[in-house]
Amino acid sequence: MIASTSLIDFDLLHIHKKMKKDVHGTDDQPQTQPLKKDTKNNRPAFYTRFLTTSPKEAQQKPSTNDSSNSNKKLQDDIDSILLKLKRLKVVDPSYEPLEFDDDKTRLDTLTKPFVTKDAEREKRYEATAIADTAEAVQPLTDQENSIVDQLFRKGQSGQVAQIKNAIVEFKDIHRLYPETWLNDEIINFYFELLSERAAKAQGIPSVHCFSTFFFSTLQDQGYAKIRRWTKRVDIFAKDLLFIPINQSYHWVLGVIDMKNKKVLVYDSLGGDHDRMLSVFLDYLKQEHLDKKKTPFDSTGWVMVAPKDIPRQGNMSDCGAFTCTFAERLSRQQPFTFSQDDMVTIRRRIALNIYKKEL
């Protein structure tokens, strides 16, 4: 880039000397009188006068002293330099002016470097992004749907599957039709599957599942009636205790989280269940005293009825929600399901029961 600046350099030197003379009195000797202070703006009076007085104002209000004339001359010199700067011509042998056919071509040409950069950035981001680990409800395959269709065919009778004392017959499997209430047989069988998986799999919480009759017996007949139900299991050594509960024709899931010191009720209708939560804590105290022979330390334990959970949109899917809450909690997975998934979930439960595995 080539430019002639000798005249500008000379003029700037002239202005520097002129400002020095106005401030100090002469070019070479300092001013013997102290500068007056502009107390309002906290700067020397010369700078205030220089900054606030334009050449036009100076013509309208001519000064009678030399200092005003000097300021006018200095302003004229600055104006002269600015004019010369505007007239400077820059010569660049490699410069070629851009020509555009229309406004769109102009916009595309000027923004192309930025758009390309952003596209490359997005490509790198996608390559290095952490995959979403949220688990969606997987649809059944054609073969799996064919099996479920056979199970749902009406007119069948007899046993479908059995695990220990849990038995499901065809009359029970039909409860998994859409918008049909689930019964104790379906719930108990499914929770038995959860217990078996937890006992065999690694890397997931240890689980103990109570039957659907546990809470009603405890609440109605007291601890003495159910104290022997856990004679072969140490519930305090488990991570999670699942308690499926049917209360007034509505299924909810009771959970005792040993590791995090919580008793919870997951209700797809959003109930509070304070009484139920208190029964859970009382049960822990009595069980600990009976099995461990020492009082239960309830320090730090909390009672929770979570509200930010999936909600049912009808009056018949509470059982399917209860099973799915337990299945996701047993693997420490988020509740990434909704009412829209219930038909698929019901069919999946039927398949799980038929195959006797999750």
Protein backbone atom coordinates (compact mmCIF):
# COMPACT_ATOMS: atom_id res chain seq x y z
CA MET A 1 0.00 0.00 0.00
CA ILE A 2 1.60 3.38 -1.11
CA ALA A 3 0.68 6.83 0.26
CA SER A 4 2.28 10.30 0.50
CA THR A 5 2.16 11.70 4.04
CA SER A 6 5.01 14.27 4.20
CA LEU A 7 2.67 17.24 4.11
CA ILE A 8 0.50 15.72 6.84
CA ASP A 9 3.54 15.05 9.03
CA PHE A 10 4.65 18.68 8.61
CA ASP A 11 1.18 20.00 9.52
CA LEU A 12 0.92 17.73 12.59
CA LEU A 13 4.32 19.00 13.78
CA HIS A 14 3.09 22.55 13.31
CA ILE A 15 -0.05 21.83 15.37
CA HIS A 16 2.00 20.20 18.13
CA LYS A 17 4.20 23.30 18.39
CA LYS A 18 1.15 25.54 18.32
CA MET A 19 -0.55 23.63 21.19
CA LYS A 20 2.70 23.72 23.16
CA LYS A 21 2.91 27.48 22.70
CA ASP A 22 -0.71 28.00 23.78
CA VAL A 23 -0.29 25.85 26.86
CA HIS A 24 3.18 26.92 28.02
CA GLY A 25 3.36 30.46 26.69
CA THR A 26 6.37 29.93 24.32
CA ASP A 27 7.86 27.12 22.29
CA ASP A 28 10.90 26.67 24.50
CA GLN A 29 10.18 28.15 27.90
CA PRO A 30 7.51 26.95 30.30
CA GLN A 31 4.74 29.30 31.36
CA THR A 32 5.52 31.03 34.62
CA GLN A 33 1.87 31.51 35.54
CA PRO A 34 -0.01 28.34 36.60
CA LEU A 35 -2.74 27.16 34.25
CA LYS A 36 -6.25 28.14 35.22
CA LYS A 37 -8.37 25.15 36.21
CA ASP A 38 -11.83 24.44 34.88
CA THR A 39 -13.25 23.25 38.20
CA LYS A 40 -16.52 22.16 36.65
CA ASN A 41 -14.95 19.68 34.19
CA ASN A 42 -11.75 19.08 36.21
CA ARG A 43 -9.34 20.00 33.34
CA PRO A 44 -7.21 22.98 32.24
CA ALA A 45 -9.19 25.92 30.90
CA PHE A 46 -7.35 25.72 27.56
CA TYR A 47 -8.66 22.24 26.84
CA THR A 48 -12.19 23.23 27.75
CA ARG A 49 -11.97 26.21 25.44
CA PHE A 50 -10.35 24.13 22.69
CA LEU A 51 -12.94 21.36 22.89
CA THR A 52 -16.01 23.56 23.11
CA THR A 53 -15.17 26.31 20.61
CA SER A 54 -15.68 25.59 16.93
CA PRO A 55 -14.42 27.79 14.06
CA LYS A 56 -18.02 28.80 13.37
CA GLU A 57 -18.55 29.92 16.95
CA ALA A 58 -15.27 31.79 16.83
CA GLN A 59 -16.50 33.75 13.77
CA GLN A 60 -19.78 34.58 15.45
CA LYS A 61 -18.10 35.60 18.70
CA PRO A 62 -14.64 37.00 17.77
CA SER A 63 -12.22 36.99 20.64
CA THR A 64 -10.35 40.14 21.62
CA ASN A 65 -7.27 38.30 22.94
CA ASP A 66 -4.45 36.46 21.22
CA SER A 67 -5.33 33.14 22.77
CA SER A 68 -8.71 33.03 20.97
CA ASN A 69 -7.05 33.85 17.67
CA SER A 70 -4.54 31.08 18.27
CA ASN A 71 -7.35 28.60 18.92
CA LYS A 72 -9.06 29.61 15.69
CA LYS A 73 -5.84 29.14 13.77
CA LEU A 74 -5.32 25.72 15.38
CA GLN A 75 -8.83 24.63 14.46
CA ASP A 76 -8.29 25.77 10.88
CA ASP A 77 -5.09 23.73 10.72
CA ILE A 78 -6.96 20.62 11.95
CA ASP A 79 -9.68 21.15 9.35
CA SER A 80 -7.03 21.44 6.66
CA ILE A 81 -5.43 18.13 7.70
CA LEU A 82 -8.79 16.35 7.75
CA LEU A 83 -9.48 17.58 4.22
CA LYS A 84 -6.11 16.26 3.03
CA LEU A 85 -6.78 12.90 4.67
CA LYS A 86 -10.04 12.66 2.75
CA ARG A 87 -8.20 13.34 -0.52
CA LEU A 88 -5.54 10.69 0.08
CA LYS A 89 -5.42 8.06 -2.63
CA VAL A 90 -4.44 4.51 -1.68
CA VAL A 91 -2.77 2.48 -4.38
CA ASP A 92 -2.91 -1.34 -4.03
CA PRO A 93 -1.79 -3.20 -7.18
CA SER A 94 -3.63 -6.39 -6.09
CA TYR A 95 -6.97 -4.67 -5.49
CA GLU A 96 -9.79 -5.49 -7.86
CA PRO A 97 -13.26 -4.04 -7.24
CA LEU A 98 -16.06 -6.55 -6.80
CA GLU A 99 -18.92 -6.49 -9.29
CA PHE A 100 -22.32 -7.99 -8.50
CA ASP A 101 -25.22 -8.80 -10.78
CA ASP A 102 -27.85 -8.21 -8.12
CA ASP A 103 -28.36 -7.75 -4.38
CA LYS A 104 -28.67 -11.50 -3.72
CA THR A 105 -25.32 -12.19 -5.41
CA ARG A 106 -23.77 -9.40 -3.37
CA LEU A 107 -25.17 -10.86 -0.09
CA ASP A 108 -24.11 -14.42 -0.92
CA THR A 109 -20.59 -13.34 -1.89
CA LEU A 110 -20.03 -11.21 1.19
CA THR A 111 -21.44 -13.75 3.67
CA LYS A 112 -19.97 -16.90 2.13
CA PRO A 113 -16.81 -16.96 4.34
CA PHE A 114 -18.92 -16.73 7.48
CA VAL A 115 -21.51 -19.30 6.35
CA THR A 116 -18.76 -21.75 5.39
CA LYS A 117 -17.09 -21.28 8.73
CA ASP A 118 -20.34 -21.90 10.61
CA ALA A 119 -21.07 -25.03 8.55
CA GLU A 120 -17.64 -26.45 9.33
CA ARG A 121 -18.13 -25.63 13.00
CA GLU A 122 -21.50 -27.42 13.06
CA LYS A 123 -19.94 -30.44 11.35
CA ARG A 124 -17.19 -30.62 13.99
CA TYR A 125 -19.78 -30.17 16.74
CA GLU A 126 -21.91 -33.05 15.49
CA ALA A 127 -18.85 -35.29 15.25
CA THR A 128 -17.82 -34.63 18.84
CA ALA A 129 -21.24 -34.18 20.49
CA ILE A 130 -22.18 -36.50 23.33
CA ALA A 131 -25.06 -38.75 22.32
CA ASP A 132 -28.42 -38.27 24.00
CA THR A 133 -28.71 -41.06 26.54
CA ALA A 134 -32.44 -40.61 27.13
CA GLU A 135 -34.21 -43.88 26.42
CA ALA A 136 -37.36 -43.75 24.36
CA VAL A 137 -40.07 -46.40 24.32
CA GLN A 138 -39.03 -48.87 21.62
CA PRO A 139 -41.73 -50.23 19.34
CA LEU A 140 -42.16 -53.97 19.05
CA THR A 141 -40.83 -55.78 16.02
CA ASP A 142 -43.20 -57.47 13.58
CA GLN A 143 -42.40 -60.85 15.12
CA GLU A 144 -43.00 -59.54 18.65
CA ASN A 145 -46.31 -57.97 17.62
CA SER A 146 -47.35 -61.28 16.08
CA ILE A 147 -46.73 -63.05 19.43
CA VAL A 148 -48.75 -60.45 21.34
CA ASP A 149 -51.59 -60.65 18.83
CA GLN A 150 -51.76 -64.40 19.48
CA LEU A 151 -51.81 -63.81 23.25
CA PHE A 152 -54.62 -61.25 22.92
CA ARG A 153 -56.79 -63.52 20.80
CA LYS A 154 -60.08 -64.06 22.61
CA GLY A 155 -61.52 -67.42 23.59
CA GLN A 156 -58.27 -68.80 25.02
CA SER A 157 -57.94 -70.21 28.52
CA GLY A 158 -55.30 -71.74 30.71
CA GLN A 159 -51.92 -70.62 32.00
CA VAL A 160 -49.65 -68.26 30.10
CA ALA A 161 -46.61 -68.21 32.43
CA GLN A 162 -45.47 -68.86 35.99
CA ILE A 163 -42.52 -67.65 38.11
CA LYS A 164 -42.40 -68.99 41.68
CA ASN A 165 -45.83 -68.26 43.10
CA ALA A 166 -46.73 -65.70 40.44
CA ILE A 167 -49.08 -67.08 37.79
CA VAL A 168 -50.67 -65.35 34.81
CA GLU A 169 -53.49 -66.95 32.83
CA PHE A 170 -55.13 -65.88 29.59
CA LYS A 171 -57.97 -64.25 31.48
CA ASP A 172 -55.31 -62.06 33.16
CA ILE A 173 -53.29 -61.30 30.02
CA HIS A 174 -56.41 -59.79 28.48
CA ARG A 175 -56.12 -57.08 31.15
CA LEU A 176 -53.32 -55.68 29.02
CA TYR A 177 -55.76 -54.70 26.29
CA PRO A 178 -55.81 -50.90 25.83
CA GLU A 179 -57.80 -48.96 28.45
CA THR A 180 -58.27 -51.95 30.73
CA TRP A 181 -57.41 -52.04 34.44
CA LEU A 182 -54.48 -54.25 35.40
CA ASN A 183 -55.09 -56.82 38.15
CA ASP A 184 -52.88 -58.15 40.96
CA GLU A 185 -51.71 -61.13 38.89
CA ILE A 186 -50.24 -58.96 36.13
CA ILE A 187 -48.60 -56.53 38.59
CA ASN A 188 -47.14 -59.25 40.83
CA PHE A 189 -45.74 -61.22 37.90
CA TYR A 190 -44.12 -58.13 36.40
CA PHE A 191 -42.51 -57.15 39.72
CA GLU A 192 -41.21 -60.71 40.07
CA LEU A 193 -39.49 -60.20 36.72
CA LEU A 194 -37.92 -57.01 38.09
CA SER A 195 -36.60 -58.88 41.13
CA GLU A 196 -35.11 -61.67 39.01
CA ARG A 197 -33.35 -59.25 36.67
CA ALA A 198 -31.89 -57.27 39.58
CA ALA A 199 -30.55 -60.48 41.12
CA LYS A 200 -28.80 -61.53 37.91
CA ALA A 201 -27.69 -58.29 36.27
CA GLN A 202 -24.65 -56.27 37.24
CA GLY A 203 -24.35 -52.51 37.38
CA ILE A 204 -27.94 -51.84 38.46
CA PRO A 205 -29.40 -51.31 41.95
CA SER A 206 -30.24 -54.27 44.15
CA VAL A 207 -34.01 -54.54 44.46
CA HIS A 208 -36.64 -56.22 46.61
CA CYS A 209 -40.25 -56.17 45.45
CA PHE A 210 -43.17 -56.64 47.81
CA SER A 211 -46.43 -58.11 46.57
CA THR A 212 -49.53 -56.04 45.94
CA PHE A 213 -51.00 -57.41 49.21
CA PHE A 214 -48.17 -56.12 51.41
CA PHE A 215 -49.29 -52.56 52.04
CA SER A 216 -52.98 -53.30 52.56
CA THR A 217 -52.11 -56.04 55.08
CA LEU A 218 -49.64 -53.79 56.89
CA GLN A 219 -52.06 -50.89 57.02
CA ASP A 220 -55.14 -52.91 58.01
CA GLN A 221 -53.66 -55.61 60.26
CA GLY A 222 -50.39 -54.14 61.48
CA TYR A 223 -46.71 -55.11 61.39
CA ALA A 224 -47.17 -58.40 63.27
CA LYS A 225 -49.09 -59.80 60.30
CA ILE A 226 -46.31 -59.20 57.79
CA ARG A 227 -43.15 -59.45 59.92
CA ARG A 228 -42.35 -62.95 58.58
CA TRP A 229 -42.67 -61.84 54.95
CA THR A 230 -39.02 -60.77 54.99
CA LYS A 231 -37.51 -63.61 57.03
CA ARG A 232 -35.30 -64.61 54.08
CA VAL A 233 -34.29 -61.13 52.96
CA ASP A 234 -32.44 -58.27 54.60
CA ILE A 235 -34.26 -55.26 53.20
CA PHE A 236 -31.68 -52.90 54.75
CA ALA A 237 -29.02 -54.41 52.50
CA LYS A 238 -31.00 -53.53 49.34
CA ASP A 239 -30.80 -50.32 47.34
CA LEU A 240 -34.48 -50.07 46.47
CA LEU A 241 -37.70 -51.54 47.84
CA PHE A 242 -40.71 -51.51 45.50
CA ILE A 243 -44.24 -51.62 46.91
CA PRO A 244 -47.06 -51.70 44.30
CA ILE A 245 -50.24 -50.45 45.92
CA ASN A 246 -53.85 -50.51 44.83
CA GLN A 247 -55.81 -47.87 46.68
CA SER A 248 -59.43 -47.34 45.75
CA TYR A 249 -58.99 -48.93 42.30
CA HIS A 250 -55.92 -46.80 41.57
CA TRP A 251 -52.38 -48.18 41.26
CA VAL A 252 -49.41 -46.24 42.67
CA LEU A 253 -45.80 -47.20 43.32
CA GLY A 254 -44.30 -46.98 46.80
CA VAL A 255 -40.49 -46.81 46.88
CA ILE A 256 -38.07 -46.99 49.80
CA ASP A 257 -34.69 -45.69 48.65
CA MET A 258 -32.18 -47.00 51.18
CA LYS A 259 -29.12 -45.34 49.69
CA ASN A 260 -30.62 -41.86 49.47
CA LYS A 261 -32.76 -42.09 52.63
CA LYS A 262 -36.09 -41.41 50.95
CA VAL A 263 -39.57 -42.84 51.04
CA LEU A 264 -41.53 -42.00 47.92
CA VAL A 265 -44.86 -42.53 46.21
CA TYR A 266 -45.04 -42.27 42.42
CA ASP A 267 -48.61 -41.47 41.46
CA SER A 268 -49.48 -40.87 37.80
CA LEU A 269 -52.47 -38.80 38.98
CA GLY A 270 -50.28 -36.58 41.17
CA GLY A 271 -51.57 -37.43 44.67
CA ASP A 272 -49.73 -36.46 47.88
CA HIS A 273 -50.11 -39.66 50.00
CA ASP A 274 -48.74 -38.25 53.27
CA ARG A 275 -50.35 -41.05 55.29
CA MET A 276 -48.83 -43.72 53.06
CA LEU A 277 -45.36 -42.21 53.36
CA SER A 278 -45.65 -42.19 57.15
CA VAL A 279 -46.60 -45.88 57.13
CA PHE A 280 -43.41 -46.65 55.17
CA LEU A 281 -41.22 -44.94 57.76
CA ASP A 282 -43.01 -46.64 60.63
CA TYR A 283 -42.51 -49.99 58.90
CA LEU A 284 -38.74 -49.38 58.65
CA LYS A 285 -38.57 -48.63 62.36
CA GLN A 286 -40.45 -51.78 63.33
CA GLU A 287 -38.58 -53.98 60.87
CA HIS A 288 -35.19 -52.73 62.03
CA LEU A 289 -36.07 -53.28 65.68
CA ASP A 290 -37.37 -56.78 64.92
CA LYS A 291 -34.57 -57.96 62.59
CA LYS A 292 -31.59 -55.92 63.81
CA LYS A 293 -32.63 -55.65 67.47
CA THR A 294 -31.68 -51.94 67.49
CA PRO A 295 -33.72 -48.76 66.92
CA PHE A 296 -33.85 -47.44 63.38
CA ASP A 297 -31.99 -44.14 62.84
CA SER A 298 -34.39 -42.00 60.81
CA THR A 299 -32.08 -38.97 60.81
CA GLY A 300 -31.98 -37.40 57.36
CA TRP A 301 -34.85 -39.43 55.93
CA VAL A 302 -37.36 -37.52 53.82
CA MET A 303 -40.84 -38.24 52.47
CA VAL A 304 -41.49 -37.31 48.83
CA ALA A 305 -44.37 -37.57 46.37
CA PRO A 306 -42.73 -36.45 43.08
CA LYS A 307 -44.83 -34.21 40.85
CA ASP A 308 -42.55 -33.84 37.82
CA ILE A 309 -43.35 -37.31 36.50
CA PRO A 310 -45.41 -38.60 33.55
CA ARG A 311 -49.17 -38.34 34.10
CA GLN A 312 -51.88 -40.63 32.84
CA GLY A 313 -54.51 -39.17 30.55
CA ASN A 314 -57.32 -41.60 31.36
CA MET A 315 -58.64 -43.62 34.31
CA SER A 316 -57.31 -47.03 33.27
CA ASP A 317 -53.55 -46.81 32.65
CA CYS A 318 -52.40 -46.32 36.26
CA GLY A 319 -51.18 -49.94 36.44
CA ALA A 320 -49.07 -49.60 33.29
CA PHE A 321 -47.59 -46.36 34.65
CA THR A 322 -46.79 -48.07 37.97
CA CYS A 323 -44.94 -50.92 36.23
CA THR A 324 -43.01 -48.50 34.01
CA PHE A 325 -42.01 -46.28 36.94
CA ALA A 326 -40.53 -49.33 38.67
CA GLU A 327 -38.83 -50.65 35.53
CA ARG A 328 -37.07 -47.33 34.85
CA LEU A 329 -36.10 -46.81 38.50
CA SER A 330 -34.67 -50.33 38.68
CA ARG A 331 -32.18 -49.38 35.97
CA GLN A 332 -31.74 -45.76 37.06
CA GLN A 333 -33.22 -44.53 33.79
CA PRO A 334 -35.25 -41.32 33.30
CA PHE A 335 -39.01 -41.33 32.84
CA THR A 336 -38.95 -40.76 29.09
CA PHE A 337 -42.45 -42.03 28.40
CA SER A 338 -45.94 -40.60 28.35
CA GLN A 339 -49.60 -41.48 27.94
CA ASP A 340 -49.02 -41.77 24.19
CA ASP A 341 -46.75 -44.78 24.82
CA MET A 342 -49.19 -46.80 26.88
CA VAL A 343 -50.46 -49.10 24.13
CA THR A 344 -46.88 -50.05 23.24
CA ILE A 345 -45.95 -50.43 26.92
CA ARG A 346 -48.94 -52.71 27.57
CA ARG A 347 -47.99 -54.92 24.63
CA ARG A 348 -44.38 -54.99 25.84
CA ILE A 349 -45.51 -56.12 29.32
CA ALA A 350 -47.54 -58.94 27.75
CA LEU A 351 -44.46 -60.03 25.80
CA ASN A 352 -42.28 -59.87 28.93
CA ILE A 353 -44.73 -62.08 30.82
CA TYR A 354 -44.93 -64.60 27.97
CA LYS A 355 -41.12 -64.81 27.69
CA LYS A 356 -40.64 -64.55 31.49
CA GLU A 357 -37.91 -61.97 31.08
CA LEU A 358 -37.42 -58.23 30.75
